[in-house]
PDB file of N, CA and C in Angstrom:
ATOM      1  N   MET A   1      15.319  74.343  71.254  1.00  0.00           N
ATOM      2  CA  MET A   1      15.316  73.727  72.558  1.00  0.00           C
ATOM      3  C   MET A   1      16.194  72.475  72.509  1.00  0.00           C
ATOM      4  N   GLU A   2      17.069  72.328  73.518  1.00  0.00           N
ATOM      5  CA  GLU A   2      17.974  71.190  73.546  1.00  0.00           C
ATOM      6  C   GLU A   2      17.260  69.945  74.022  1.00  0.00           C
ATOM      7  N   LYS A   3      17.663  68.826  73.449  1.00  0.00           N
ATOM      8  CA  LYS A   3      17.140  67.550  73.909  1.00  0.00           C
ATOM      9  C   LYS A   3      18.170  66.962  74.868  1.00  0.00           C
ATOM     10  N   THR A   4      17.739  66.642  76.078  1.00  0.00           N
ATOM     11  CA  THR A   4      18.654  66.069  77.053  1.00  0.00           C
ATOM     12  C   THR A   4      18.474  64.562  77.081  1.00  0.00           C
ATOM     13  N   ASP A   5      19.571  63.851  77.314  1.00  0.00           N
ATOM     14  CA  ASP A   5      19.546  62.400  77.344  1.00  0.00           C
ATOM     15  C   ASP A   5      19.296  61.945  78.774  1.00  0.00           C
ATOM     16  N   ARG A   6      18.095  61.507  79.054  1.00  0.00           N
ATOM     17  CA  ARG A   6      17.737  61.083  80.398  1.00  0.00           C
ATOM     18  C   ARG A   6      17.765  59.565  80.540  1.00  0.00           C
ATOM     19  N   GLY A   7      18.162  58.854  79.537  1.00  0.00           N
ATOM     20  CA  GLY A   7      18.157  57.404  79.585  1.00  0.00           C
ATOM     21  C   GLY A   7      19.544  56.849  79.825  1.00  0.00           C
ATOM     22  N   VAL A   8      19.605  55.545  79.926  1.00  0.00           N
ATOM     23  CA  VAL A   8      20.880  54.852  80.045  1.00  0.00           C
ATOM     24  C   VAL A   8      20.930  53.757  78.989  1.00  0.00           C
ATOM     25  N   GLU A   9      22.101  53.505  78.479  1.00  0.00           N
ATOM     26  CA  GLU A   9      22.301  52.429  77.515  1.00  0.00           C
ATOM     27  C   GLU A   9      22.580  51.145  78.271  1.00  0.00           C
ATOM     28  N   VAL A  10      21.909  50.067  77.884  1.00  0.00           N
ATOM     29  CA  VAL A  10      22.167  48.770  78.495  1.00  0.00           C
ATOM     30  C   VAL A  10      23.420  48.204  77.845  1.00  0.00           C
ATOM     31  N   LYS A  11      24.441  47.972  78.655  1.00  0.00           N
ATOM     32  CA  LYS A  11      25.716  47.468  78.157  1.00  0.00           C
ATOM     33  C   LYS A  11      25.606  45.978  77.867  1.00  0.00           C
ATOM     34  N   THR A  12      26.482  45.483  77.021  1.00  0.00           N
ATOM     35  CA  THR A  12      26.435  44.061  76.691  1.00  0.00           C
ATOM     36  C   THR A  12      26.778  43.229  77.914  1.00  0.00           C
ATOM     37  N   GLY A  13      25.957  42.236  78.179  1.00  0.00           N
ATOM     38  CA  GLY A  13      26.164  41.371  79.327  1.00  0.00           C
ATOM     39  C   GLY A  13      25.632  41.940  80.632  1.00  0.00           C
ATOM     40  N   GLU A  14      25.029  43.133  80.594  1.00  0.00           N
ATOM     41  CA  GLU A  14      24.509  43.757  81.806  1.00  0.00           C
ATOM     42  C   GLU A  14      23.054  43.352  82.013  1.00  0.00           C
ATOM     43  N   THR A  15      22.696  43.089  83.253  1.00  0.00           N
ATOM     44  CA  THR A  15      21.311  42.720  83.535  1.00  0.00           C
ATOM     45  C   THR A  15      20.429  43.967  83.509  1.00  0.00           C
ATOM     46  N   ILE A  16      19.157  43.741  83.289  1.00  0.00           N
ATOM     47  CA  ILE A  16      18.197  44.840  83.251  1.00  0.00           C
ATOM     48  C   ILE A  16      18.102  45.495  84.623  1.00  0.00           C
ATOM     49  N   ASP A  17      18.189  44.685  85.684  1.00  0.00           N
ATOM     50  CA  ASP A  17      18.123  45.240  87.037  1.00  0.00           C
ATOM     51  C   ASP A  17      19.246  46.235  87.281  1.00  0.00           C
ATOM     52  N   ARG A  18      20.436  45.915  86.809  1.00  0.00           N
ATOM     53  CA  ARG A  18      21.587  46.810  87.001  1.00  0.00           C
ATOM     54  C   ARG A  18      21.392  48.113  86.210  1.00  0.00           C
ATOM     55  N   ALA A  19      20.859  48.002  84.996  1.00  0.00           N
ATOM     56  CA  ALA A  19      20.603  49.194  84.182  1.00  0.00           C
ATOM     57  C   ALA A  19      19.530  50.064  84.831  1.00  0.00           C
ATOM     58  N   LEU A  20      18.500  49.439  85.414  1.00  0.00           N
ATOM     59  CA  LEU A  20      17.464  50.211  86.105  1.00  0.00           C
ATOM     60  C   LEU A  20      18.034  50.916  87.323  1.00  0.00           C
ATOM     61  N   LYS A  21      18.955  50.264  88.023  1.00  0.00           N
ATOM     62  CA  LYS A  21      19.591  50.891  89.175  1.00  0.00           C
ATOM     63  C   LYS A  21      20.406  52.113  88.737  1.00  0.00           C
ATOM     64  N   ARG A  22      21.121  51.994  87.612  1.00  0.00           N
ATOM     65  CA  ARG A  22      21.874  53.148  87.106  1.00  0.00           C
ATOM     66  C   ARG A  22      20.941  54.281  86.718  1.00  0.00           C
ATOM     67  N   LEU A  23      19.798  53.951  86.092  1.00  0.00           N
ATOM     68  CA  LEU A  23      18.820  54.973  85.704  1.00  0.00           C
ATOM     69  C   LEU A  23      18.256  55.669  86.937  1.00  0.00           C
ATOM     70  N   LYS A  24      17.890  54.889  87.963  1.00  0.00           N
ATOM     71  CA  LYS A  24      17.343  55.471  89.185  1.00  0.00           C
ATOM     72  C   LYS A  24      18.360  56.378  89.854  1.00  0.00           C
ATOM     73  N   THR A  25      19.620  55.960  89.886  1.00  0.00           N
ATOM     74  CA  THR A  25      20.667  56.790  90.482  1.00  0.00           C
ATOM     75  C   THR A  25      20.826  58.094  89.714  1.00  0.00           C
ATOM     76  N   LYS A  26      20.790  58.007  88.401  1.00  0.00           N
ATOM     77  CA  LYS A  26      20.928  59.203  87.563  1.00  0.00           C
ATOM     78  C   LYS A  26      19.775  60.176  87.789  1.00  0.00           C
ATOM     79  N   LEU A  27      18.555  59.651  87.837  1.00  0.00           N
ATOM     80  CA  LEU A  27      17.387  60.507  88.060  1.00  0.00           C
ATOM     81  C   LEU A  27      17.393  61.087  89.466  1.00  0.00           C
ATOM     82  N   ASP A  28      17.887  60.325  90.423  1.00  0.00           N
ATOM     83  CA  ASP A  28      17.924  60.801  91.803  1.00  0.00           C
ATOM     84  C   ASP A  28      18.935  61.930  91.965  1.00  0.00           C
ATOM     85  N   THR A  29      20.089  61.830  91.320  1.00  0.00           N
ATOM     86  CA  THR A  29      21.085  62.895  91.443  1.00  0.00           C
ATOM     87  C   THR A  29      20.619  64.173  90.765  1.00  0.00           C
ATOM     88  N   GLU A  30      19.809  64.056  89.724  1.00  0.00           N
ATOM     89  CA  GLU A  30      19.284  65.242  89.045  1.00  0.00           C
ATOM     90  C   GLU A  30      18.087  65.840  89.784  1.00  0.00           C
ATOM     91  N   GLY A  31      17.546  65.106  90.763  1.00  0.00           N
ATOM     92  CA  GLY A  31      16.425  65.622  91.541  1.00  0.00           C
ATOM     93  C   GLY A  31      15.072  65.399  90.901  1.00  0.00           C
ATOM     94  N   ILE A  32      15.024  64.588  89.881  1.00  0.00           N
ATOM     95  CA  ILE A  32      13.774  64.380  89.157  1.00  0.00           C
ATOM     96  C   ILE A  32      12.791  63.557  89.986  1.00  0.00           C
ATOM     97  N   LEU A  33      13.290  62.528  90.663  1.00  0.00           N
ATOM     98  CA  LEU A  33      12.398  61.685  91.465  1.00  0.00           C
ATOM     99  C   LEU A  33      11.773  62.471  92.600  1.00  0.00           C
ATOM    100  N   GLU A  34      12.561  63.307  93.262  1.00  0.00           N
ATOM    101  CA  GLU A  34      12.019  64.103  94.364  1.00  0.00           C
ATOM    102  C   GLU A  34      10.972  65.092  93.862  1.00  0.00           C
ATOM    103  N   GLU A  35      11.215  65.668  92.698  1.00  0.00           N
ATOM    104  CA  GLU A  35      10.247  66.604  92.144  1.00  0.00           C
ATOM    105  C   GLU A  35       8.952  65.904  91.748  1.00  0.00           C
ATOM    106  N   MET A  36       9.067  64.687  91.224  1.00  0.00           N
ATOM    107  CA  MET A  36       7.865  63.925  90.886  1.00  0.00           C
ATOM    108  C   MET A  36       7.046  63.624  92.135  1.00  0.00           C
ATOM    109  N   ARG A  37       7.725  63.208  93.207  1.00  0.00           N
ATOM    110  CA  ARG A  37       7.009  62.919  94.450  1.00  0.00           C
ATOM    111  C   ARG A  37       6.352  64.182  95.002  1.00  0.00           C
ATOM    112  N   ARG A  38       7.051  65.302  94.889  1.00  0.00           N
ATOM    113  CA  ARG A  38       6.528  66.559  95.416  1.00  0.00           C
ATOM    114  C   ARG A  38       5.314  67.025  94.620  1.00  0.00           C
ATOM    115  N   ARG A  39       5.333  66.860  93.316  1.00  0.00           N
ATOM    116  CA  ARG A  39       4.225  67.317  92.481  1.00  0.00           C
ATOM    117  C   ARG A  39       3.026  66.371  92.500  1.00  0.00           C
ATOM    118  N   ARG A  40       3.229  65.159  93.023  1.00  0.00           N
ATOM    119  CA  ARG A  40       2.152  64.177  93.026  1.00  0.00           C
ATOM    120  C   ARG A  40       1.004  64.597  93.939  1.00  0.00           C
ATOM    121  N   SER A  41       1.307  65.283  95.031  1.00  0.00           N
ATOM    122  CA  SER A  41       0.267  65.680  95.962  1.00  0.00           C
ATOM    123  C   SER A  41       0.450  67.144  96.344  1.00  0.00           C
ATOM    124  N   HIS A  42      -0.570  67.704  96.983  1.00  0.00           N
ATOM    125  CA  HIS A  42      -0.527  69.103  97.398  1.00  0.00           C
ATOM    126  C   HIS A  42       0.500  69.302  98.504  1.00  0.00           C
ATOM    127  N   GLU A  43       1.231  70.391  98.437  1.00  0.00           N
ATOM    128  CA  GLU A  43       2.236  70.719  99.439  1.00  0.00           C
ATOM    129  C   GLU A  43       1.828  72.022 100.125  1.00  0.00           C
ATOM    130  N   SER A  44       1.639  71.969 101.432  1.00  0.00           N
ATOM    131  CA  SER A  44       1.234  73.162 102.161  1.00  0.00           C
ATOM    132  C   SER A  44       2.412  74.139 102.239  1.00  0.00           C
ATOM    133  N   THR A  45       2.137  75.364 102.607  1.00  0.00           N
ATOM    134  CA  THR A  45       3.200  76.360 102.702  1.00  0.00           C
ATOM    135  C   THR A  45       4.195  75.995 103.789  1.00  0.00           C
ATOM    136  N   MET A  46       3.734  75.390 104.868  1.00  0.00           N
ATOM    137  CA  MET A  46       4.635  74.967 105.936  1.00  0.00           C
ATOM    138  C   MET A  46       5.540  73.829 105.468  1.00  0.00           C
ATOM    139  N   ASP A  47       4.975  72.867 104.735  1.00  0.00           N
ATOM    140  CA  ASP A  47       5.785  71.777 104.194  1.00  0.00           C
ATOM    141  C   ASP A  47       6.830  72.315 103.218  1.00  0.00           C
ATOM    142  N   ARG A  48       6.433  73.303 102.425  1.00  0.00           N
ATOM    143  CA  ARG A  48       7.374  73.898 101.470  1.00  0.00           C
ATOM    144  C   ARG A  48       8.512  74.592 102.197  1.00  0.00           C
ATOM    145  N   ALA A  49       8.199  75.318 103.267  1.00  0.00           N
ATOM    146  CA  ALA A  49       9.243  76.005 104.033  1.00  0.00           C
ATOM    147  C   ALA A  49      10.199  75.008 104.676  1.00  0.00           C
ATOM    148  N   ILE A  50       9.659  73.912 105.187  1.00  0.00           N
ATOM    149  CA  ILE A  50      10.506  72.881 105.794  1.00  0.00           C
ATOM    150  C   ILE A  50      11.414  72.259 104.744  1.00  0.00           C
ATOM    151  N   ARG A  51      10.869  71.970 103.552  1.00  0.00           N
ATOM    152  CA  ARG A  51      11.677  71.382 102.481  1.00  0.00           C
ATOM    153  C   ARG A  51      12.791  72.333 102.044  1.00  0.00           C
ATOM    154  N   LYS A  52      12.458  73.613 101.906  1.00  0.00           N
ATOM    155  CA  LYS A  52      13.463  74.602 101.506  1.00  0.00           C
ATOM    156  C   LYS A  52      14.561  74.719 102.557  1.00  0.00           C
ATOM    157  N   ALA A  53      14.175  74.734 103.838  1.00  0.00           N
ATOM    158  CA  ALA A  53      15.165  74.834 104.916  1.00  0.00           C
ATOM    159  C   ALA A  53      16.044  73.591 104.966  1.00  0.00           C
ATOM    160  N   ARG A  54      15.483  72.438 104.625  1.00  0.00           N
ATOM    161  CA  ARG A  54      16.248  71.198 104.647  1.00  0.00           C
ATOM    162  C   ARG A  54      17.282  71.156 103.519  1.00  0.00           C
ATOM    163  N   THR A  55      16.964  71.734 102.361  1.00  0.00           N
ATOM    164  CA  THR A  55      17.882  71.679 101.230  1.00  0.00           C
ATOM    165  C   THR A  55      18.820  72.871 101.162  1.00  0.00           C
ATOM    166  N   ALA A  56      18.601  73.909 101.969  1.00  0.00           N
ATOM    167  CA  ALA A  56      19.430  75.121 101.912  1.00  0.00           C
ATOM    168  C   ALA A  56      20.904  74.849 102.214  1.00  0.00           C
ATOM    169  N   PRO A  57      21.253  74.058 103.231  1.00  0.00           N
ATOM    170  CA  PRO A  57      22.680  73.827 103.488  1.00  0.00           C
ATOM    171  C   PRO A  57      23.405  73.184 102.312  1.00  0.00           C
ATOM    172  N   LYS A  58      22.732  72.279 101.610  1.00  0.00           N
ATOM    173  CA  LYS A  58      23.360  71.633 100.460  1.00  0.00           C
ATOM    174  C   LYS A  58      23.607  72.649  99.342  1.00  0.00           C
ATOM    175  N   ARG A  59      22.617  73.517  99.094  1.00  0.00           N
ATOM    176  CA  ARG A  59      22.794  74.535  98.057  1.00  0.00           C
ATOM    177  C   ARG A  59      23.934  75.475  98.408  1.00  0.00           C
ATOM    178  N   ASN A  60      24.002  75.900  99.672  1.00  0.00           N
ATOM    179  CA  ASN A  60      25.054  76.829 100.082  1.00  0.00           C
ATOM    180  C   ASN A  60      26.428  76.189 100.028  1.00  0.00           C
ATOM    181  N   LYS A  61      26.512  74.902 100.361  1.00  0.00           N
ATOM    182  CA  LYS A  61      27.791  74.218 100.317  1.00  0.00           C
ATOM    183  C   LYS A  61      28.332  74.188  98.886  1.00  0.00           C
ATOM    184  N   VAL A  62      27.453  73.896  97.938  1.00  0.00           N
ATOM    185  CA  VAL A  62      27.868  73.854  96.537  1.00  0.00           C
ATOM    186  C   VAL A  62      28.227  75.252  96.060  1.00  0.00           C
ATOM    187  N   ARG A  63      27.477  76.258  96.478  1.00  0.00           N
ATOM    188  CA  ARG A  63      27.738  77.622  96.048  1.00  0.00           C
ATOM    189  C   ARG A  63      29.097  78.106  96.534  1.00  0.00           C
ATOM    190  N   TRP A  64      29.441  77.843  97.783  1.00  0.00           N
ATOM    191  CA  TRP A  64      30.691  78.347  98.343  1.00  0.00           C
ATOM    192  C   TRP A  64      31.881  77.460  98.038  1.00  0.00           C
ATOM    193  N   ARG A  65      31.652  76.267  97.500  1.00  0.00           N
ATOM    194  CA  ARG A  65      32.752  75.383  97.159  1.00  0.00           C
ATOM    195  C   ARG A  65      33.601  75.981  96.042  1.00  0.00           C
ATOM    196  N   PHE A  66      32.978  76.693  95.124  1.00  0.00           N
ATOM    197  CA  PHE A  66      33.680  77.217  93.965  1.00  0.00           C
ATOM    198  C   PHE A  66      34.057  78.681  94.132  1.00  0.00           C
ATOM    199  N   GLN A  67      34.132  79.170  95.351  1.00  0.00           N
ATOM    200  CA  GLN A  67      34.518  80.559  95.598  1.00  0.00           C
ATOM    201  C   GLN A  67      36.021  80.711  95.329  1.00  0.00           C
ATOM    202  N   PRO A  68      36.452  81.736  94.584  1.00  0.00           N
ATOM    203  CA  PRO A  68      37.870  81.931  94.311  1.00  0.00           C
ATOM    204  C   PRO A  68      38.644  82.211  95.598  1.00  0.00           C
ATOM    205  N   ASP A  69      39.929  81.856  95.593  1.00  0.00           N
ATOM    206  CA  ASP A  69      40.763  82.035  96.776  1.00  0.00           C
ATOM    207  C   ASP A  69      40.979  83.506  97.119  1.00  0.00           C
ATOM    208  N   ASN A  70      41.009  84.375  96.126  1.00  0.00           N
ATOM    209  CA  ASN A  70      41.290  85.783  96.390  1.00  0.00           C
ATOM    210  C   ASN A  70      40.027  86.616  96.629  1.00  0.00           C
ATOM    211  N   ALA A  71      38.874  85.971  96.681  1.00  0.00           N
ATOM    212  CA  ALA A  71      37.636  86.715  96.917  1.00  0.00           C
ATOM    213  C   ALA A  71      37.583  87.162  98.378  1.00  0.00           C
ATOM    214  N   PRO A  72      37.088  88.374  98.636  1.00  0.00           N
ATOM    215  CA  PRO A  72      37.027  88.837 100.026  1.00  0.00           C
ATOM    216  C   PRO A  72      36.022  88.019 100.826  1.00  0.00           C
ATOM    217  N   THR A  73      36.389  87.692 102.029  1.00  0.00           N
ATOM    218  CA  THR A  73      35.493  86.951 102.911  1.00  0.00           C
ATOM    219  C   THR A  73      34.812  87.918 103.856  1.00  0.00           C
ATOM    220  N   SER A  74      33.846  87.447 104.581  1.00  0.00           N
ATOM    221  CA  SER A  74      33.119  88.317 105.502  1.00  0.00           C
ATOM    222  C   SER A  74      34.027  88.755 106.647  1.00  0.00           C
ATOM    223  N   GLU A  75      35.007  87.915 107.043  1.00  0.00           N
ATOM    224  CA  GLU A  75      35.902  88.274 108.131  1.00  0.00           C
ATOM    225  C   GLU A  75      36.811  89.446 107.749  1.00  0.00           C
ATOM    226  N   SER A  76      37.323  89.457 106.512  1.00  0.00           N
ATOM    227  CA  SER A  76      38.213  90.537 106.102  1.00  0.00           C
ATOM    228  C   SER A  76      37.463  91.864 105.993  1.00  0.00           C
ATOM    229  N   SER A  77      36.183  91.817 105.620  1.00  0.00           N
ATOM    230  CA  SER A  77      35.422  93.053 105.523  1.00  0.00           C
ATOM    231  C   SER A  77      35.172  93.644 106.909  1.00  0.00           C
ATOM    232  N   TYR A  78      35.059  92.782 107.935  1.00  0.00           N
ATOM    233  CA  TYR A  78      34.884  93.289 109.296  1.00  0.00           C
ATOM    234  C   TYR A  78      36.194  93.921 109.799  1.00  0.00           C
ATOM    235  N   GLU A  79      37.326  93.364 109.412  1.00  0.00           N
ATOM    236  CA  GLU A  79      38.613  93.899 109.861  1.00  0.00           C
ATOM    237  C   GLU A  79      38.882  95.273 109.257  1.00  0.00           C
ATOM    238  N   GLU A  80      38.448  95.472 108.020  1.00  0.00           N
ATOM    239  CA  GLU A  80      38.690  96.739 107.353  1.00  0.00           C
ATOM    240  C   GLU A  80      37.817  97.855 107.938  1.00  0.00           C
ATOM    241  N   ALA A  81      36.643  97.526 108.392  1.00  0.00           N
ATOM    242  CA  ALA A  81      35.695  98.536 108.886  1.00  0.00           C
ATOM    243  C   ALA A  81      36.097  99.109 110.226  1.00  0.00           C
TER     244      ALA A  81
END
């Protein structure tokens, strides 16, 4: 099992507040803080559906960002049919 580095190194001359801000930003981009908040209390099925619907556009944007240029699109498949 791989060990992941979830911490930040305090640079020389850097304040602790600045290092904590970098740590919080790092954890927030990885989604760890949101998952901690979500697991802290019970989430109803309706709340879960709302959360999933809220994050779906972001997931789809990232998924389609790396689509190859020569991949067939939905428009070209309609033209061929």
